[in-house]
Protein backbone atom coordinates (compact mmCIF):
# COMPACT_ATOMS: atom_id res chain seq x y z
CA MET A 1 -0.11 0.09 0.21
CA ASP A 2 1.54 3.03 -1.38
CA VAL A 3 0.88 5.99 0.94
CA GLU A 4 1.72 9.79 -0.32
CA GLU A 5 2.08 12.85 1.77
CA THR A 6 2.30 16.13 0.22
CA GLY A 7 2.89 19.28 2.09
CA GLU A 8 -0.70 20.93 -0.10
CA THR A 9 -3.81 21.64 2.38
CA ARG A 10 -6.37 18.82 1.66
CA THR A 11 -10.11 18.72 1.49
CA PHE A 12 -11.88 16.21 2.79
CA TRP A 13 -14.62 14.40 1.38
CA SER A 14 -17.62 12.19 2.81
CA ALA A 15 -18.85 9.04 1.59
CA ALA A 16 -11.76 5.13 5.58
CA GLN A 17 8.20 -13.18 -0.42
CA GLY A 18 7.75 -16.35 -0.48
CA GLU A 19 10.26 -18.99 -2.31
CA THR A 20 8.91 -21.83 -4.52
CA GLN A 21 8.04 -25.08 -2.73
CA SER A 22 9.70 -28.24 -4.20
CA ILE A 23 7.78 -31.74 -4.26
CA ALA A 24 9.40 -34.85 -2.45
CA CYS A 25 9.39 -38.15 -4.52
CA ASP A 26 10.14 -41.20 -3.06
CA HIS A 27 12.39 -44.19 -5.18
CA ALA A 28 9.31 -45.24 -6.94
CA GLY A 29 8.41 -42.19 -8.61
CA LYS A 30 5.29 -41.11 -6.33
CA ARG A 31 5.03 -37.85 -4.61
CA LYS A 32 5.51 -37.51 -0.99
CA GLN A 33 2.84 -36.20 1.38
CA ASP A 34 4.11 -32.92 2.51
CA PRO A 35 4.29 -32.38 6.17
CA ALA A 36 1.81 -30.48 8.10
CA PRO A 37 2.43 -26.47 7.55
CA GLU A 38 3.09 -24.82 10.49
CA PRO A 39 0.12 -22.49 11.34
CA VAL A 40 0.02 -19.27 10.41
CA ILE A 41 -0.89 -17.62 13.19
CA ARG A 42 1.82 -19.42 14.92
CA ILE A 43 4.64 -18.04 12.45
CA ILE A 44 3.07 -14.60 12.82
CA GLU A 45 3.37 -14.84 16.70
CA ARG A 46 7.19 -16.35 16.27
CA LYS A 47 7.93 -12.91 13.85
CA LEU A 48 6.76 -10.68 16.91
CA VAL A 49 9.13 -12.21 19.31
CA ASN A 50 11.98 -10.80 17.10
CA LEU A 51 10.34 -6.89 17.68
CA THR A 52 10.71 -6.99 21.31
CA PHE A 53 14.17 -6.79 21.17
CA VAL A 54 13.91 -3.82 18.41
CA THR A 55 11.13 -2.33 21.01
CA THR A 56 14.00 -2.67 24.06
CA MET A 57 16.57 -1.13 21.91
CA LEU A 58 14.31 1.47 20.98
CA SER A 59 12.97 2.50 24.64
CA ALA A 60 16.62 2.48 25.72
CA GLU A 61 18.22 4.80 23.14
CA LEU A 62 15.08 6.84 23.51
CA MET A 63 16.31 7.36 27.20
CA ARG A 64 19.69 7.49 26.95
CA ASP A 65 19.84 9.85 23.92
CA ASP A 66 21.24 13.01 25.84
CA GLU A 67 23.86 10.98 27.51
CA GLU A 68 25.37 9.33 24.60
CA GLU A 69 25.85 12.80 23.23
CA ASP A 70 27.91 14.04 26.09
CA GLU A 71 29.65 10.46 26.00
CA GLU A 72 30.61 10.94 22.36
CA ALA A 73 31.85 13.86 22.93
CA GLU A 74 34.16 12.69 25.52
CA THR A 75 35.29 10.17 23.66
CA MET A 76 36.65 12.25 20.83
CA SER A 77 38.37 14.64 23.46
CA ASP A 78 40.49 11.35 24.81
CA HIS A 79 41.19 9.82 21.26
CA MET A 80 42.56 13.26 20.45
CA ARG A 81 44.32 13.47 23.79
CA ASN A 82 45.91 9.91 23.28
CA SER A 83 47.08 10.97 19.90
CA GLU A 84 49.21 13.88 21.52
CA GLU A 85 50.81 11.94 23.65
CA PRO A 86 54.45 10.44 23.10
CA SER A 87 54.58 6.63 22.20
CA ASN A 88 57.63 4.54 21.78
CA LYS A 89 55.78 2.00 19.43
CA ARG A 90 56.80 2.06 15.61
CA VAL A 91 54.07 3.46 13.52
CA LYS A 92 53.96 4.28 9.81
CA PRO A 93 54.28 7.58 8.95
CA VAL A 94 50.85 9.69 8.04
CA VAL A 95 51.09 11.28 4.45
CA LYS A 96 49.72 14.89 5.16
CA SER A 97 46.22 15.03 3.39
CA ASN A 98 44.03 17.82 2.21
CA SER A 99 40.82 15.60 3.94
CA LEU A 100 38.76 17.35 6.50
CA THR A 101 38.27 14.12 8.06
CA GLY A 102 39.52 16.14 11.37
CA VAL A 103 37.90 19.36 11.05
CA ILE A 104 34.41 18.57 9.99
CA THR A 105 32.12 18.22 12.83
CA PRO A 106 30.12 15.17 12.81
CA VAL A 107 26.67 15.00 11.83
CA LYS A 108 24.17 14.31 14.42
CA THR A 109 22.50 10.77 13.63
CA PRO A 110 19.72 8.67 14.76
CA ALA A 111 20.32 7.26 18.04
CA LEU A 112 19.80 3.32 16.88
CA LYS A 113 22.83 4.35 14.15
CA ARG A 114 25.17 5.14 17.06
CA ILE A 115 26.12 2.14 18.66
CA GLY A 116 27.59 1.06 15.14
CA GLN A 117 29.19 4.44 14.65
CA SER A 118 30.80 4.49 18.05
CA ILE A 119 32.57 0.93 17.25
CA SER A 120 33.76 2.43 13.60
CA ARG A 121 35.18 5.54 15.16
CA SER A 122 36.91 3.25 17.76
CA ILE A 123 38.39 0.74 15.41
CA SER A 124 39.42 3.69 12.98
CA PHE A 125 41.76 5.41 15.87
CA ARG A 126 43.77 2.42 16.37
CA THR A 127 44.27 1.73 12.81
CA GLU A 128 47.73 2.16 11.65
CA ALA A 129 47.15 1.90 7.74
CA ARG A 130 46.98 5.34 6.25
CA PRO A 131 43.34 6.65 6.55
CA LEU A 132 40.75 6.33 3.91
CA PRO A 133 39.56 9.00 1.83
CA PRO A 134 36.19 11.00 3.80
CA ALA A 135 33.00 9.30 2.91
CA PRO A 136 31.11 12.04 1.28
CA LEU A 137 28.47 13.81 3.75
CA ARG A 138 24.88 13.33 3.35
CA PRO A 139 22.67 15.52 4.84
CA ARG A 140 20.00 14.60 6.90
CA THR A 141 16.62 14.13 4.99
CA LYS A 142 12.96 14.00 5.83
CA ALA A 143 11.72 10.25 5.91
CA SER A 144 10.33 9.65 2.80
CA SER A 145 6.61 9.50 2.60
CA PHE A 146 6.70 6.32 0.30
CA PRO A 147 6.84 2.86 2.38
CA ARG A 148 9.13 0.11 1.39
CA ARG A 149 7.06 -2.24 -0.25
CA ARG A 150 6.31 -5.94 0.77
CA ASN A 151 7.90 -8.63 -1.32
CA SER A 152 4.78 -10.04 -2.95
CA GLN A 153 4.22 -13.19 -4.10
CA CYS A 154 1.32 -14.91 -6.44
CA TRP A 155 -0.33 -17.91 -6.38
CA SER A 156 1.29 -19.01 -8.77
CA ASP A 157 4.58 -18.84 -6.99
CA THR A 158 3.16 -21.25 -4.81
CA VAL A 159 2.47 -24.26 -6.85
CA GLU A 160 4.56 -26.30 -9.25
CA SER A 161 1.97 -27.22 -11.93
CA HIS A 162 -1.41 -27.11 -12.11
CA ASP A 163 -4.36 -27.90 -14.95
CA LEU A 164 -6.65 -25.03 -14.57
CA THR A 165 -7.81 -22.71 -16.99
CA ALA A 166 -6.98 -18.84 -17.49
CA LYS A 167 -10.22 -17.77 -15.55
CA GLU A 168 -9.89 -20.22 -12.51
CA ILE A 169 -6.39 -19.34 -12.00
CA LYS A 170 -7.24 -15.54 -11.76
CA ARG A 171 -9.95 -16.52 -9.23
CA GLN A 172 -7.43 -18.48 -7.31
CA GLU A 173 -4.88 -15.27 -7.74
CA VAL A 174 -7.69 -13.10 -6.20
CA ILE A 175 -8.68 -15.72 -3.21
CA TYR A 176 -4.95 -15.89 -2.25
CA GLU A 177 -4.30 -11.89 -2.26
CA LEU A 178 -7.17 -11.50 0.23
CA THR A 179 -5.78 -14.45 2.34
CA GLN A 180 -2.12 -12.65 2.23
CA GLY A 181 -3.72 -9.29 3.14
CA GLU A 182 -5.48 -10.58 5.97
CA LYS A 183 -2.09 -12.02 7.02
CA GLN A 184 -0.40 -8.58 6.28
CA LEU A 185 -2.93 -6.72 8.15
CA ILE A 186 -2.32 -9.01 11.70
CA GLU A 187 1.32 -8.19 11.44
CA ASP A 188 0.59 -4.63 11.12
CA LEU A 189 -1.74 -4.27 14.13
CA SER A 190 0.21 -6.56 16.22
CA LEU A 191 3.67 -4.32 15.13
CA VAL A 192 1.66 -1.25 16.21
CA LYS A 193 0.64 -2.50 19.57
CA LYS A 194 3.94 -3.96 20.39
CA VAL A 195 6.30 -1.17 18.99
CA TYR A 196 3.94 1.34 19.80
CA TYR A 197 1.35 1.27 22.45
CA GLU A 198 3.11 -1.03 24.90
CA PRO A 199 6.87 1.52 24.88
CA MET A 200 4.66 4.65 24.60
CA LEU A 201 2.93 3.48 28.06
CA LYS A 202 5.94 1.98 29.32
CA LEU A 203 8.10 5.10 28.90
CA ASP A 204 5.16 7.16 30.16
CA ILE A 205 5.26 9.22 26.70
CA LEU A 206 1.28 9.43 26.80
CA THR A 207 -1.03 8.34 29.61
CA GLU A 208 -3.36 5.33 29.32
CA SER A 209 -6.32 7.29 28.82
CA GLU A 210 -4.93 9.13 25.76
CA LEU A 211 -3.25 6.05 24.29
CA GLY A 212 -6.76 4.20 24.55
CA GLN A 213 -8.38 7.29 22.62
CA ILE A 214 -5.89 7.29 20.04
CA PHE A 215 -5.51 3.23 19.86
CA GLY A 216 -9.62 3.13 20.28
CA THR A 217 -10.33 -0.77 19.87
CA LEU A 218 -7.65 -1.59 17.44
CA ASP A 219 -6.65 -4.28 19.97
CA SER A 220 -10.05 -6.03 19.37
CA LEU A 221 -9.53 -6.27 15.67
CA ILE A 222 -6.71 -9.05 15.77
CA PRO A 223 -8.40 -11.74 16.66
CA LEU A 224 -11.36 -10.80 14.55
CA HIS A 225 -9.08 -11.05 11.45
CA GLN A 226 -6.94 -14.15 12.88
CA ASP A 227 -10.61 -16.06 12.78
CA LEU A 228 -10.88 -14.93 8.96
CA LEU A 229 -7.05 -16.03 8.14
CA TYR A 230 -7.80 -19.50 10.12
CA ARG A 231 -11.29 -20.19 7.92
CA LEU A 232 -9.41 -19.18 4.71
CA GLU A 233 -6.20 -21.54 5.22
CA ARG A 234 -8.59 -24.43 6.09
CA LEU A 235 -9.99 -23.84 2.48
CA ARG A 236 -6.81 -24.91 0.69
CA GLY A 237 -6.94 -28.41 -0.24
CA LEU A 238 -4.11 -30.52 -1.22
CA GLU A 239 -3.72 -28.85 -4.50
CA LYS A 240 -3.43 -25.50 -2.59
CA THR A 241 -6.59 -24.69 -4.39
CA VAL A 242 -9.85 -22.89 -2.91
CA GLY A 243 -13.01 -24.23 -3.82
CA GLU A 244 -15.88 -22.64 -2.18
CA VAL A 245 -15.39 -19.32 -0.40
CA GLY A 246 -18.52 -17.63 -0.42
CA PRO A 247 -20.18 -19.40 2.75
CA THR A 248 -17.06 -18.83 4.76
CA LEU A 249 -17.47 -14.86 3.95
CA MET A 250 -21.03 -14.87 4.50
CA ASN A 251 -20.58 -16.53 7.97
CA TRP A 252 -17.78 -13.96 8.78
CA PHE A 253 -18.83 -10.79 7.35
CA PRO A 254 -21.21 -10.08 10.18
CA CYS A 255 -17.79 -10.10 12.62
CA LEU A 256 -17.08 -6.04 10.83
CA GLU A 257 -19.81 -4.37 12.82
CA ALA A 258 -16.89 -4.51 15.25
CA TYR A 259 -15.52 -1.48 12.73
CA VAL A 260 -18.40 1.02 13.55
CA THR A 261 -16.92 1.63 17.19
CA TYR A 262 -12.98 1.74 15.45
CA CYS A 263 -14.21 3.92 13.07
CA CYS A 264 -16.08 6.41 14.47
CA ASN A 265 -13.46 6.95 17.09
CA GLN A 266 -10.75 7.85 14.52
CA VAL A 267 -11.66 11.78 13.95
CA CYS A 268 -11.54 12.26 17.89
CA ALA A 269 -8.03 10.09 17.88
CA LYS A 270 -6.56 11.83 14.96
CA ALA A 271 -7.18 15.09 16.42
CA LEU A 272 -5.60 14.03 19.90
CA LEU A 273 -2.40 12.28 17.84
CA ASP A 274 -1.85 15.96 15.66
CA GLN A 275 -2.13 17.89 19.32
CA LYS A 276 0.18 15.37 21.13
CA LYS A 277 2.95 15.51 18.41
CA ASN A 278 3.47 19.33 19.33
CA GLU A 279 5.24 17.53 22.53
CA LYS A 280 9.04 17.04 22.09
CA LYS A 281 9.13 13.50 23.59
CA VAL A 282 5.95 12.28 21.56
CA GLU A 283 7.44 14.05 18.18
CA HIS A 284 10.93 12.22 19.27
CA PHE A 285 9.59 8.86 19.61
CA LEU A 286 7.65 8.89 16.49
CA ARG A 287 9.83 9.96 14.33
CA LEU A 288 12.71 7.44 15.58
CA CYS A 289 10.20 4.71 14.96
CA GLN A 290 9.25 6.05 11.15
CA GLU A 291 12.96 6.08 10.35
CA SER A 292 13.43 2.60 11.54
CA SER A 293 13.53 -0.17 9.46
CA PHE A 294 10.17 -2.29 10.88
CA SER A 295 7.99 1.25 10.10
CA ARG A 296 8.31 0.62 6.40
CA LYS A 297 8.67 4.68 6.42
CA LEU A 298 5.11 4.68 7.49
CA ASP A 299 4.17 7.04 10.42
CA LEU A 300 1.80 6.06 13.21
CA TRP A 301 -1.50 7.26 11.94
CA ASN A 302 -0.96 5.10 8.49
CA PHE A 303 -1.13 2.11 10.87
CA LEU A 304 -4.28 3.08 12.65
CA ASP A 305 -5.93 3.51 9.25
CA LEU A 306 -4.85 0.72 7.63
CA PRO A 307 -8.13 -1.19 9.04
CA ARG A 308 -10.44 1.38 7.49
CA SER A 309 -8.66 0.89 4.22
CA ARG A 310 -8.92 -2.71 4.67
CA LEU A 311 -12.50 -2.46 5.37
CA VAL A 312 -13.38 -0.72 1.93
CA LYS A 313 -11.19 -3.26 -0.30
CA TYR A 314 -13.26 -6.21 0.96
CA PRO A 315 -16.33 -5.44 -1.52
CA LEU A 316 -13.63 -4.44 -4.25
CA LEU A 317 -11.95 -8.33 -3.93
CA LEU A 318 -15.18 -10.01 -3.40
CA LYS A 319 -16.43 -8.48 -6.83
CA GLU A 320 -13.04 -9.69 -8.56
CA ILE A 321 -13.87 -13.48 -7.04
CA GLN A 322 -17.18 -12.78 -8.62
CA LYS A 323 -16.22 -12.01 -11.98
CA CYS A 324 -13.59 -15.00 -12.30
CA THR A 325 -16.34 -17.61 -11.05
CA PRO A 326 -18.23 -19.43 -13.80
CA PRO A 327 -22.26 -19.63 -13.82
CA GLU A 328 -22.36 -22.90 -12.99
CA HIS A 329 -19.99 -22.76 -10.00
CA PRO A 330 -21.39 -23.28 -6.24
CA ASP A 331 -19.90 -20.14 -5.24
CA GLU A 332 -22.14 -18.46 -8.08
CA ASP A 333 -25.46 -17.40 -5.75
CA THR A 334 -23.34 -17.38 -2.47
CA LEU A 335 -20.70 -14.65 -3.67
CA SER A 336 -23.62 -12.31 -4.86
CA ASP A 337 -25.27 -12.49 -1.08
CA ALA A 338 -21.71 -11.67 0.36
CA LEU A 339 -21.46 -8.73 -2.03
CA GLU A 340 -24.58 -7.46 -1.15
CA LEU A 341 -24.05 -7.66 3.02
CA ILE A 342 -20.48 -6.50 2.74
CA HIS A 343 -21.87 -3.24 0.86
CA SER A 344 -24.36 -2.89 3.56
CA ILE A 345 -22.02 -3.29 6.31
CA VAL A 346 -19.50 -0.87 4.75
CA ALA A 347 -22.56 1.54 3.99
CA GLU A 348 -23.54 1.47 7.66
CA VAL A 349 -19.82 2.29 8.99
CA ASN A 350 -19.43 5.08 6.55
CA LYS A 351 -23.00 6.67 8.06
CA LYS A 352 -22.15 6.54 11.48
CA THR A 353 -18.62 7.70 10.66
CA GLY A 354 -20.15 10.37 9.16
CA GLU A 355 -22.48 11.16 11.92
CA ALA A 356 -19.44 11.18 14.43
CA GLU A 357 -17.63 13.52 12.29
CA CYS A 358 -20.28 15.81 12.05
CA GLN A 359 -20.98 15.89 15.57
CA PHE A 360 -16.87 16.25 16.57
CA PHE A 361 -16.89 19.29 14.30
CA ARG A 362 -20.06 20.84 15.58
CA ARG A 363 -18.41 20.90 19.10
CA GLY A 364 -15.57 22.37 17.60
CA LEU A 365 -17.48 25.99 16.70
CA THR A 366 -17.29 28.79 18.59
CA TYR A 367 -19.82 31.82 18.07
CA LEU A 368 -19.11 35.53 18.09
CA GLU A 369 -22.59 36.30 17.75
CA GLU A 370 -25.55 34.54 19.13
CA SER A 371 -27.45 34.92 16.11
CA GLN A 372 -24.62 32.36 14.30
CA ARG A 373 -26.13 29.65 16.11
CA LEU A 374 -28.33 28.27 13.57
CA PRO A 375 -30.52 25.60 14.11
CA GLU A 376 -29.68 24.24 10.75
CA ILE A 377 -26.26 23.31 12.04
CA GLN A 378 -27.24 21.37 15.02
CA GLN A 379 -30.07 19.62 12.88
CA SER A 380 -27.16 18.56 10.27
CA ARG A 381 -26.49 14.88 10.46
CA PHE A 382 -23.19 14.81 8.29
CA LEU A 383 -20.97 16.56 6.40
CA TYR A 384 -21.06 16.66 2.67
CA CYS A 385 -17.32 17.89 2.71
CA HIS A 386 -15.08 20.49 4.83
CA GLY A 387 -11.34 22.41 3.96
CA GLU A 388 -9.42 24.98 3.41
CA LEU A 389 -10.43 28.17 1.11
CA LYS A 390 -9.36 31.81 0.65
CA ASN A 391 -11.47 34.72 1.28
CA THR A 392 -11.66 37.91 -0.85
CA LYS A 393 -8.79 39.44 1.68
CA GLY A 394 -6.97 36.25 0.81
CA GLN A 395 -7.25 34.94 4.20
CA ARG A 396 -7.33 30.92 4.68
CA LEU A 397 -10.73 29.86 6.21
CA HIS A 398 -12.03 26.26 7.04
CA VAL A 399 -15.12 25.98 5.45
CA PHE A 400 -17.74 23.20 6.46
CA LEU A 401 -20.51 21.90 4.27
CA PHE A 402 -22.91 20.65 6.86
CA GLU A 403 -26.17 18.50 5.44
CA LEU A 404 -28.08 21.95 6.15
CA ALA A 405 -25.73 24.85 6.81
CA LEU A 406 -22.43 26.39 5.18
CA VAL A 407 -20.30 27.55 7.76
CA LEU A 408 -16.67 29.67 7.36
CA THR A 409 -14.69 29.50 9.89
CA ARG A 410 -11.03 30.61 11.21
CA PRO A 411 -8.79 28.10 12.69
CA GLY A 412 -7.50 28.13 16.15
CA GLU A 413 -6.57 26.71 19.69
CA ASP A 414 -7.94 26.09 23.06
CA ARG A 415 -5.59 26.28 25.84
CA GLU A 416 -4.44 22.97 26.14
CA GLY A 417 -3.83 23.03 22.67
CA GLY A 418 -6.71 21.26 20.84
CA GLN A 419 -8.23 22.80 17.36
CA LEU A 420 -11.01 25.24 17.49
CA PHE A 421 -13.27 26.73 14.70
CA HIS A 422 -14.14 30.40 15.24
CA VAL A 423 -17.53 30.96 13.15
CA TYR A 424 -16.44 33.58 10.48
CA ARG A 425 -19.64 35.88 9.32
CA GLN A 426 -23.13 34.66 9.01
CA PRO A 427 -23.55 31.12 8.32
CA LEU A 428 -25.47 30.15 5.29
CA PRO A 429 -28.76 27.78 5.47
CA ASN A 430 -28.46 25.43 2.43
CA ASP A 431 -31.82 25.96 1.12
CA LEU A 432 -30.93 29.64 0.70
CA ILE A 433 -27.98 29.60 -1.25
CA ASN A 434 -27.16 30.94 -4.52
CA LEU A 435 -24.10 29.49 -6.35
CA GLU A 436 -22.12 31.23 -8.71
CA GLU A 437 -19.17 29.39 -10.37
CA ILE A 438 -16.88 32.11 -11.50
CA PRO A 439 -15.17 31.09 -14.59
CA ASP A 440 -11.33 31.19 -14.82
CA GLY A 441 -9.77 34.54 -16.51
CA GLU A 442 -12.84 36.49 -15.64
CA ALA A 443 -12.02 40.06 -14.51
CA GLY A 444 -12.54 40.76 -10.77
CA GLY A 445 -14.25 44.32 -11.50
CA GLY A 446 -15.86 46.19 -8.51
CA GLY A 447 -13.22 45.58 -6.31
CA THR A 448 -14.35 42.54 -4.92
CA PHE A 449 -11.65 40.38 -4.89
CA ARG A 450 -9.42 43.27 -3.69
CA GLY A 451 -6.45 41.80 -5.96
CA ALA A 452 -6.23 38.88 -3.05
CA PHE A 453 -7.07 36.32 -5.80
CA THR A 454 -5.02 37.91 -8.68
CA GLY A 455 -1.82 38.89 -7.39
CA GLY A 456 -1.58 41.85 -9.09
CA ASN A 457 -3.38 40.82 -12.29
CA ASP A 458 -7.03 41.32 -13.40
CA LYS A 459 -7.66 37.85 -13.49
CA VAL A 460 -8.94 35.21 -11.25
CA LYS A 461 -8.66 31.28 -10.99
CA ASN A 462 -10.45 28.56 -9.24
CA CYS A 463 -13.49 31.15 -7.37
CA PHE A 464 -16.98 30.74 -6.85
CA ARG A 465 -19.42 33.15 -5.24
CA VAL A 466 -22.11 31.76 -2.46
CA SER A 467 -25.21 34.14 -0.96
CA SER A 468 -28.02 34.06 0.42
CA ARG A 469 -31.62 34.94 -0.94
CA GLY A 470 -33.44 35.72 2.49
CA ARG A 471 -31.17 36.74 5.51
CA SER A 472 -29.92 40.36 5.29
CA LYS A 473 -26.84 40.11 7.49
CA ALA A 474 -25.20 37.13 5.16
CA HIS A 475 -23.42 39.22 2.54
CA PRO A 476 -22.27 37.40 -0.45
CA TYR A 477 -18.74 35.45 -0.06
CA SER A 478 -16.17 35.13 -3.12
CA LEU A 479 -13.88 32.24 -2.22
CA GLN A 480 -11.14 30.50 -4.08
CA ALA A 481 -9.96 26.69 -4.05
CA ASN A 482 -6.28 25.30 -4.17
CA ASP A 483 -6.96 24.10 -7.75
CA SER A 484 -9.35 23.49 -10.17
CA PHE A 485 -10.19 19.81 -8.96
CA SER A 486 -11.01 21.24 -5.41
CA LYS A 487 -12.85 23.82 -6.88
CA GLN A 488 -15.44 21.64 -8.92
CA GLN A 489 -15.62 19.11 -5.69
CA TRP A 490 -16.85 21.87 -3.48
CA ILE A 491 -19.26 23.21 -6.54
CA THR A 492 -20.36 19.60 -6.75
CA CYS A 493 -21.22 19.30 -3.32
CA LEU A 494 -22.72 22.61 -2.91
CA ARG A 495 -25.13 21.96 -5.65
CA GLN A 496 -26.19 18.53 -3.88
CA ALA A 497 -26.61 20.04 -0.70
CA ILE A 498 -28.84 23.02 -2.34
CA VAL A 499 -31.28 20.56 -4.04
CA ARG A 500 -31.52 18.31 -0.91
CA SER A 501 -32.21 21.17 1.28
CA ARG A 502 -34.76 22.56 -0.83
CA ASP A 503 -36.22 19.41 -1.38
CA ARG A 504 -36.49 18.97 2.11
CA SER A 505 -37.93 22.44 2.93
CA ALA A 506 -40.42 21.86 0.33
CA HIS A 507 -41.97 18.15 1.58
CA THR A 508 -41.62 19.95 5.32
CA ILE A 509 -44.20 22.85 4.12
CA GLN A 510 -46.22 20.87 2.21
CA SER A 511 -46.97 18.54 5.42
CA HIS A 512 -47.57 21.55 7.44
CA LEU A 513 -50.11 22.90 4.66
CA SER A 514 -51.96 19.73 3.80
CA PRO A 515 -55.56 19.88 5.48
CA LEU A 516 -56.59 17.94 8.62
CA PRO A 517 -59.68 16.07 8.35
CA ASP A 518 -62.81 17.35 10.54
CA PRO A 519 -62.71 15.88 14.01
CA ALA A 520 -66.39 15.80 13.80
CA LEU A 521 -65.73 13.12 10.68
CA TYR A 522 -63.15 10.59 12.62
CA HIS A 523 -66.53 8.50 13.75
CA ILE A 524 -67.37 7.50 10.08
CA ALA A 525 -63.90 5.07 9.94
CA ASP A 526 -65.40 3.00 12.75
CA LEU A 527 -69.00 3.16 11.03
CA SER A 528 -70.16 -0.50 9.64
CA LEU A 529 -71.74 0.14 6.17
CA SER A 530 -74.12 -3.26 6.82
CA SER A 531 -75.52 -1.39 9.98
CA ASP A 532 -78.24 0.98 9.80
CA THR A 533 -78.60 1.34 13.10
CA GLU A 534 -75.37 2.05 14.33
CA MET A 535 -75.30 5.32 11.01
CA ALA A 536 -78.63 6.29 12.87
CA ASP A 537 -76.55 6.21 16.07
CA HIS A 538 -73.75 8.35 14.97
CA THR A 539 -76.13 10.57 13.02
CA SER A 540 -78.11 11.53 15.91
CA ARG A 541 -74.65 12.38 17.61
């Protein structure tokens, strides 16, 4: 999975090697039965034991970081003094060189690399040979945002020979990808617990309450996926092929409802993690982990977001399996039911996550005036989108398009460093918004843009204007997106929000205007058409 991080502002849109095995034969040429493979779960657990050493080293180096810097300085001075003292030993004369080895200040390196460098320095001081030319200095660069790829393996690499059709081979490849994906997810989630959660708790980098909010119910997801991996491994026959996979997935997919709790917590978890990264000890620990080989250059949030990414991949994998399944295959009907089930689960998780996100950002709004507290904001259940836009003065605003209202804010912080959003000007109800798209290159007449969008020129780019149809306090707002793609996303979401809000308002008005039946006629529904006596009784009342 490639993860790309850029320094640009992002807009959030709503809706988360193997070796070839040889076949042993006896003297008669018959194929021997393969020994029972070691359970995959046990292999994963054995691999995690090796992480204990890495975690211990990481924790120790983090605590000794400052001490080792002083020790290195003392070691350097001791060696320099020893080199100046007279010696009776015969040494090979050293030819003078123009090398800068002795005058260049050592470049500060990560703590985990210092042990090897200390050994190298001590060896070099004892060397009697002519010094080697200095290695080129490499400036310390930020960790790459591109992770090291795992060694990929296909199903075809695990079998010697087969007589399957091309379509069945493709089917086995997708099922194998599903199995390997579960194995890799278990490894990553176990790594997060072993290398991040436990050391941060042990070293008091974060409190148990803070770690519980950031990691959420991640620990409960590991046995869930171990169960699916165990079921998929049992489906593989002697020929390492899988027959029916649909019933297994149908029985397991309901377990994914546990993702509702985990994904709903991610909004608060991301906000707290970003806040805590401003603390030096947290930033230092996370940087050491990201620079280590086990992280594959992924930061902590990349790991915490892996379950959500895995969830939305299940429908895609299942659809590919369905495409490669012949009509007469026993899986044909079951796969359709399983695909429908996983779509409904993903939709439910998206819905609940959107509601949690909307509620989180609503709590973060601060109002300058009481008139800004529109009921439409509190009644909104989800967000269409939110992100950064510029106003006519060139100021950066964080704009929220809720279900029923458009809110412009200025980002800020509370006393504890948490993020707040100060409401800027008057929010607009979506059903009263007029949307105007400003074509690129159009002259910004009338001083509307005040040169902020044009950069001294008389042209504008990636801009649109919103205004209110019925509220005098809401002036027109001209806004600029970062690029053309972001502009089109905003316009699409705004149009969708306006149409839905107006339909909702029209339906509400229609229900209020519909005439109510006369209470005196309520008794007619209780009359029996075959009873003249009852009719006479009701008429006489």
